[in-house]
Amino acid sequence: MGRTKKENSTELNVDMDVKDEVLEEIEDTEDEIFAKEEVVKNLDATQLYLGEIGFSPLLSAEEEVFFARKALRGCEASRKRMIESNLRLVVKIARRYNNRGLALLDLIEEGNLGLIRAVEKFDPERGFRFSTYATWWIRQTIERAIMNQTRTIRLPIHVVKELNVYLRTARELTQKLDHEPTAEEIAEKLDRPVEDVSKMLRLNEKISSVDTPIGGDSDKALLDIIADEKGRGPEGEIQDQDIHNNIVHWLEELNAKQREVLARRFGLLGYEPSTLEDVGKEIGLTRERVRQIQVEALRRLKEVLTHQGLNIESLFRA
């Protein structure tokens, strides 16, 4: 007995539905395979990089001073030696920021820009170790890159890619020019119209939400900025001691009241971290007056650290 048109149509629709489901399953499988391949590629590339940087020994304090002085006088070999001896420090710091929106190799690349900047700015006559100084620059460039990635995540993908090109170029030019590059300088570097660059930079400004205030009510101790990791290597031990020694030195730039407030607030000079209110009770001042002194002290510290090429936000994360 012949089949009706309705039966044939129904069977055709069922076949199409099954076909669509199969195609969707195939696409999902392909996406999963592609994602796994990308992970493997990233892991392979990371291992390759770690193998390439080798095991260059850390420089001693005397070697740092020797090579840093020569690097400041324009010795490219000394500059290269300082960079290569600290590439593992960049990897160590970059790993702390993994799974924050950027691949590990991208984090390392950004951190390397900070390391290069640190080598160019480091003054060995100031008395602290290079690893301490470089850590701030490395973290600053990595955190800025993560912030830019996070801010652009909701934009269309083609806009994100284009904006990232401009932002990365801007960071590279900053290293070379010693100032924030203008739209004209970025346009010249990329061989793009100035109008296009200006438009993208304005877009970047609009989606920015930046600058956490310094010195809120956080009770976090100053040295808590250093990750509590098991099996700390020599870089970590050097950083802890150098930071502690230099904090004491920096506090000497403040007057007695400012020094006492910061010491009590952030757990320095033998004090335990305290709230603004508790500090006020301990030294006989109101909470508001303690806050004012803290702001004044942090502003003064910022001047001191900025003069040395450091970033106070990396210390006091309120």
Protein backbone atom coordinates (compact mmCIF):
# COMPACT_ATOMS: atom_id res chain seq x y z
CA MET A 1 0.00 0.00 0.00
CA GLY A 2 1.43 3.39 -0.95
CA ARG A 3 2.59 5.93 1.63
CA THR A 4 0.79 9.24 1.97
CA LYS A 5 2.48 12.60 1.45
CA LYS A 6 1.88 13.38 5.12
CA GLU A 7 3.71 10.22 6.23
CA ASN A 8 6.61 10.96 3.90
CA SER A 9 6.78 14.55 5.18
CA THR A 10 6.75 13.42 8.81
CA GLU A 11 9.54 10.90 8.17
CA LEU A 12 11.58 13.56 6.37
CA ASN A 13 11.24 15.96 9.31
CA VAL A 14 12.35 13.23 11.71
CA ASP A 15 15.35 12.47 9.52
CA MET A 16 16.27 16.17 9.42
CA ASP A 17 15.97 16.43 13.21
CA VAL A 18 18.25 13.41 13.66
CA LYS A 19 20.69 14.87 11.15
CA ASP A 20 20.75 18.19 13.01
CA GLU A 21 21.40 16.42 16.31
CA VAL A 22 24.24 14.42 14.78
CA LEU A 23 25.77 17.55 13.26
CA GLU A 24 25.54 19.41 16.58
CA GLU A 25 27.18 16.47 18.35
CA ILE A 26 29.96 16.40 15.76
CA GLU A 27 30.49 20.17 16.16
CA ASP A 28 30.58 19.83 19.95
CA THR A 29 33.11 17.01 19.66
CA GLU A 30 35.23 19.05 17.26
CA ASP A 31 35.13 22.02 19.65
CA GLU A 32 36.18 19.78 22.53
CA ILE A 33 39.03 18.29 20.51
CA PHE A 34 40.13 21.77 19.40
CA ALA A 35 40.08 23.02 23.00
CA LYS A 36 42.18 20.06 24.15
CA GLU A 37 44.62 20.58 21.29
CA GLU A 38 44.98 24.24 22.28
CA VAL A 39 45.72 23.24 25.89
CA VAL A 40 48.34 20.75 24.70
CA LYS A 41 49.87 23.37 22.38
CA ASN A 42 50.07 25.88 25.24
CA LEU A 43 51.62 23.28 27.54
CA ASP A 44 54.12 22.24 24.88
CA ALA A 45 55.00 25.87 24.14
CA THR A 46 55.43 26.61 27.85
CA GLN A 47 57.68 23.59 28.35
CA LEU A 48 59.66 24.60 25.28
CA TYR A 49 60.14 28.11 26.66
CA LEU A 50 61.19 26.83 30.07
CA GLY A 51 63.72 24.62 28.34
CA GLU A 52 65.01 27.51 26.27
CA ILE A 53 65.67 29.81 29.21
CA GLY A 54 67.71 27.02 30.79
CA PHE A 55 69.11 27.29 34.26
CA SER A 56 71.02 30.54 34.29
CA PRO A 57 72.22 30.99 37.87
CA LEU A 58 71.05 33.94 39.90
CA LEU A 59 73.59 36.72 40.22
CA SER A 60 75.16 37.39 43.58
CA ALA A 61 74.80 40.85 45.11
CA GLU A 62 78.29 41.75 43.94
CA GLU A 63 77.61 40.50 40.41
CA GLU A 64 74.36 42.48 40.26
CA VAL A 65 76.18 45.69 41.11
CA PHE A 66 78.92 44.92 38.59
CA PHE A 67 76.60 44.11 35.67
CA ALA A 68 74.05 46.81 36.57
CA ARG A 69 76.71 49.51 36.49
CA LYS A 70 77.93 48.33 33.11
CA ALA A 71 74.36 48.09 31.80
CA LEU A 72 73.71 51.70 32.83
CA ARG A 73 76.76 52.69 30.80
CA GLY A 74 75.27 51.01 27.74
CA CYS A 75 76.88 47.57 27.85
CA GLU A 76 74.45 45.34 25.96
CA ALA A 77 76.11 42.11 27.14
CA SER A 78 75.66 43.11 30.79
CA ARG A 79 72.04 44.11 30.17
CA LYS A 80 71.41 40.73 28.53
CA ARG A 81 73.07 38.90 31.43
CA MET A 82 70.84 40.59 33.99
CA ILE A 83 67.72 39.81 31.96
CA GLU A 84 68.60 36.16 31.34
CA SER A 85 69.53 35.58 34.99
CA ASN A 86 66.06 36.67 36.08
CA LEU A 87 63.81 35.01 33.48
CA ARG A 88 62.92 32.29 35.99
CA LEU A 89 61.78 35.00 38.39
CA VAL A 90 59.32 36.18 35.73
CA VAL A 91 57.98 32.64 35.28
CA LYS A 92 57.57 32.22 39.02
CA ILE A 93 55.61 35.45 39.35
CA ALA A 94 53.56 34.81 36.20
CA ARG A 95 52.38 31.45 37.54
CA ARG A 96 50.68 33.22 40.44
CA TYR A 97 48.41 34.94 37.91
CA ASN A 98 47.47 31.80 35.96
CA ASN A 99 43.78 31.23 35.15
CA ARG A 100 43.06 34.96 35.28
CA GLY A 101 42.16 35.40 31.61
CA LEU A 102 45.58 35.20 29.97
CA ALA A 103 47.59 32.14 28.95
CA LEU A 104 50.76 31.50 30.94
CA LEU A 105 53.00 32.33 27.97
CA ASP A 106 51.20 35.67 27.55
CA LEU A 107 51.70 36.39 31.25
CA ILE A 108 55.39 35.54 30.92
CA GLU A 109 55.70 37.77 27.86
CA GLU A 110 54.15 40.69 29.73
CA GLY A 111 56.34 39.98 32.75
CA ASN A 112 59.43 39.99 30.56
CA LEU A 113 58.55 43.53 29.46
CA GLY A 114 58.51 44.51 33.13
CA LEU A 115 61.85 42.78 33.69
CA ILE A 116 63.43 44.66 30.79
CA ARG A 117 62.07 47.90 32.19
CA ALA A 118 63.49 47.07 35.61
CA VAL A 119 66.96 46.44 34.16
CA GLU A 120 66.83 49.81 32.42
CA LYS A 121 65.74 51.68 35.56
CA PHE A 122 67.67 49.84 38.28
CA ASP A 123 70.18 51.91 40.24
CA PRO A 124 72.61 49.58 42.06
CA GLU A 125 73.83 52.40 44.28
CA ARG A 126 70.56 52.49 46.25
CA GLY A 127 71.50 49.37 48.17
CA PHE A 128 68.70 46.87 47.54
CA ARG A 129 68.71 43.68 45.50
CA PHE A 130 67.59 43.68 41.88
CA SER A 131 65.01 40.91 42.44
CA THR A 132 63.13 43.17 44.85
CA TYR A 133 63.10 46.02 42.38
CA ALA A 134 62.23 43.83 39.39
CA THR A 135 59.32 42.15 41.19
CA TRP A 136 57.35 45.40 41.24
CA TRP A 137 57.88 46.04 37.54
CA ILE A 138 57.03 42.45 36.58
CA ARG A 139 53.84 42.41 38.64
CA GLN A 140 52.80 45.83 37.40
CA THR A 141 53.02 44.89 33.72
CA ILE A 142 51.26 41.55 34.28
CA GLU A 143 48.44 43.08 36.33
CA ARG A 144 47.95 45.85 33.77
CA ALA A 145 47.68 43.27 30.98
CA ILE A 146 45.14 41.22 32.97
CA MET A 147 43.15 44.36 33.73
CA ASN A 148 43.05 45.30 30.06
CA GLN A 149 41.97 41.78 29.11
CA THR A 150 39.22 41.77 31.74
CA ARG A 151 37.92 45.17 30.67
CA THR A 152 37.67 44.18 27.02
CA ILE A 153 36.13 40.75 27.52
CA ARG A 154 32.58 41.86 26.60
CA LEU A 155 33.52 43.62 23.39
CA PRO A 156 33.12 41.93 19.99
CA ILE A 157 36.04 39.61 19.38
CA HIS A 158 37.41 41.55 16.40
CA VAL A 159 37.39 44.74 18.48
CA VAL A 160 39.13 42.96 21.36
CA LYS A 161 41.87 41.70 19.05
CA GLU A 162 42.40 45.13 17.49
CA LEU A 163 42.41 46.89 20.85
CA ASN A 164 44.91 44.40 22.26
CA VAL A 165 47.25 45.18 19.36
CA TYR A 166 47.13 48.88 20.24
CA LEU A 167 47.55 48.29 23.97
CA ARG A 168 50.47 45.92 23.53
CA THR A 169 52.17 48.33 21.16
CA ALA A 170 51.60 51.13 23.66
CA ARG A 171 53.25 49.08 26.42
CA GLU A 172 56.23 48.27 24.20
CA LEU A 173 56.65 51.92 23.25
CA THR A 174 56.46 52.92 26.92
CA GLN A 175 59.52 50.76 27.57
CA LYS A 176 61.47 52.51 24.80
CA LEU A 177 60.25 56.10 25.11
CA ASP A 178 60.15 56.41 28.91
CA HIS A 179 56.67 57.98 28.68
CA GLU A 180 53.14 57.00 27.75
CA PRO A 181 53.04 57.04 23.94
CA THR A 182 50.72 59.38 22.08
CA ALA A 183 48.19 58.25 19.49
CA GLU A 184 50.52 59.62 16.80
CA GLU A 185 53.46 57.53 18.07
CA ILE A 186 51.35 54.37 18.19
CA ALA A 187 49.94 55.06 14.72
CA GLU A 188 53.43 55.55 13.31
CA LYS A 189 54.64 52.29 14.87
CA LEU A 190 51.70 50.29 13.47
CA ASP A 191 51.42 52.22 10.20
CA ARG A 192 47.75 52.92 10.94
CA PRO A 193 45.72 56.14 10.62
CA VAL A 194 45.95 58.34 13.71
CA GLU A 195 42.15 58.67 13.71
CA ASP A 196 41.74 54.90 14.08
CA VAL A 197 44.22 54.74 16.95
CA SER A 198 42.59 57.69 18.73
CA LYS A 199 39.19 56.07 18.39
CA MET A 200 40.39 52.82 19.95
CA LEU A 201 42.19 54.61 22.76
CA ARG A 202 39.02 56.56 23.57
CA LEU A 203 37.13 53.27 23.64
CA ASN A 204 39.70 51.88 26.04
CA GLU A 205 39.26 54.88 28.33
CA LYS A 206 35.47 54.52 28.33
CA ILE A 207 35.56 50.91 29.49
CA SER A 208 38.23 51.54 32.11
CA SER A 209 37.42 51.12 35.76
CA VAL A 210 40.72 51.64 37.44
CA ASP A 211 42.63 52.73 40.52
CA THR A 212 41.74 51.03 43.76
CA PRO A 213 42.09 53.68 46.53
CA ILE A 214 45.12 53.33 48.77
CA GLY A 215 44.73 52.93 52.51
CA GLY A 216 41.20 51.78 53.20
CA ASP A 217 40.16 49.76 56.25
CA SER A 218 42.01 46.62 55.18
CA ASP A 219 43.84 44.92 58.04
CA LYS A 220 46.18 43.03 55.73
CA ALA A 221 49.82 43.07 56.81
CA LEU A 222 52.26 44.59 54.36
CA LEU A 223 54.29 41.42 53.85
CA ASP A 224 51.11 39.47 53.00
CA ILE A 225 51.64 40.64 49.42
CA ILE A 226 54.18 37.88 49.08
CA ALA A 227 52.49 34.55 48.32
CA ASP A 228 52.72 31.87 51.00
CA GLU A 229 54.18 29.10 48.87
CA LYS A 230 55.69 25.77 49.87
CA GLY A 231 59.24 25.12 48.89
CA ARG A 232 60.15 28.75 48.27
CA GLY A 233 63.21 29.16 46.08
CA PRO A 234 66.09 31.57 46.60
CA GLU A 235 64.23 34.36 44.76
CA GLY A 236 61.44 34.27 47.36
CA GLU A 237 63.81 34.35 50.32
CA ILE A 238 65.74 37.27 48.83
CA GLN A 239 62.54 39.21 48.11
CA ASP A 240 61.16 38.79 51.66
CA GLN A 241 64.33 40.00 53.34
CA ASP A 242 64.95 42.84 50.92
CA ILE A 243 61.38 44.12 51.13
CA HIS A 244 61.46 44.04 54.93
CA ASN A 245 64.79 45.86 55.08
CA ASN A 246 63.73 48.51 52.61
CA ILE A 247 60.36 49.12 54.27
CA VAL A 248 62.18 50.05 57.48
CA HIS A 249 64.42 52.36 55.44
CA TRP A 250 61.47 53.97 53.64
CA LEU A 251 59.60 54.58 56.91
CA GLU A 252 62.53 56.70 58.10
CA GLU A 253 61.46 59.25 55.47
CA LEU A 254 58.28 59.92 57.50
CA ASN A 255 57.82 61.93 60.67
CA ALA A 256 57.38 60.07 63.95
CA LYS A 257 53.56 60.20 64.00
CA GLN A 258 53.20 59.06 60.38
CA ARG A 259 55.69 56.26 60.97
CA GLU A 260 53.84 55.03 64.06
CA VAL A 261 50.44 55.09 62.35
CA LEU A 262 51.61 53.05 59.36
CA ALA A 263 53.53 50.64 61.58
CA ARG A 264 50.48 49.98 63.73
CA ARG A 265 48.05 49.85 60.81
CA PHE A 266 50.01 47.46 58.60
CA GLY A 267 51.88 45.36 61.17
CA LEU A 268 55.40 46.78 60.85
CA LEU A 269 58.28 47.36 63.28
CA GLY A 270 57.03 44.64 65.64
CA TYR A 271 53.39 45.81 65.80
CA GLU A 272 50.36 43.68 64.96
CA PRO A 273 48.04 44.97 62.19
CA SER A 274 45.22 47.10 63.63
CA THR A 275 42.11 48.89 62.40
CA LEU A 276 41.93 52.67 62.21
CA GLU A 277 39.74 52.70 65.30
CA ASP A 278 42.10 50.51 67.33
CA VAL A 279 45.12 52.59 66.31
CA GLY A 280 43.25 55.70 67.42
CA LYS A 281 42.57 54.20 70.85
CA GLU A 282 46.20 53.11 71.21
CA ILE A 283 47.70 56.53 70.46
CA GLY A 284 44.89 58.75 71.73
CA LEU A 285 43.50 60.07 68.43
CA THR A 286 40.15 59.85 66.68
CA ARG A 287 39.60 57.33 63.90
CA GLU A 288 39.28 60.17 61.37
CA ARG A 289 42.53 61.79 62.47
CA VAL A 290 44.35 58.44 62.15
CA ARG A 291 42.93 58.09 58.64
CA GLN A 292 44.18 61.57 57.72
CA ILE A 293 47.68 60.81 59.02
CA GLN A 294 47.67 57.54 57.11
CA VAL A 295 46.73 59.30 53.86
CA GLU A 296 49.50 61.88 54.41
CA ALA A 297 52.03 59.13 55.18
CA LEU A 298 51.10 57.09 52.12
CA ARG A 299 51.30 60.16 49.93
CA ARG A 300 54.80 60.84 51.24
CA LEU A 301 55.81 57.20 50.75
CA LYS A 302 54.47 57.32 47.22
CA GLU A 303 56.79 60.24 46.46
CA VAL A 304 59.75 58.31 47.87
CA LEU A 305 58.95 55.10 45.97
CA THR A 306 58.10 56.88 42.73
CA HIS A 307 61.49 58.60 42.86
CA GLN A 308 63.03 55.12 43.05
CA GLY A 309 60.88 53.80 40.20
CA LEU A 310 58.64 51.68 42.45
CA ASN A 311 54.88 51.47 42.81
CA ILE A 312 53.19 51.97 46.19
CA GLU A 313 50.02 50.22 45.01
CA SER A 314 52.04 47.01 44.87
CA LEU A 315 52.74 47.39 48.59
CA PHE A 316 49.50 48.66 50.11
CA ARG A 317 46.59 46.82 48.49
CA ALA A 318 43.77 48.17 50.59
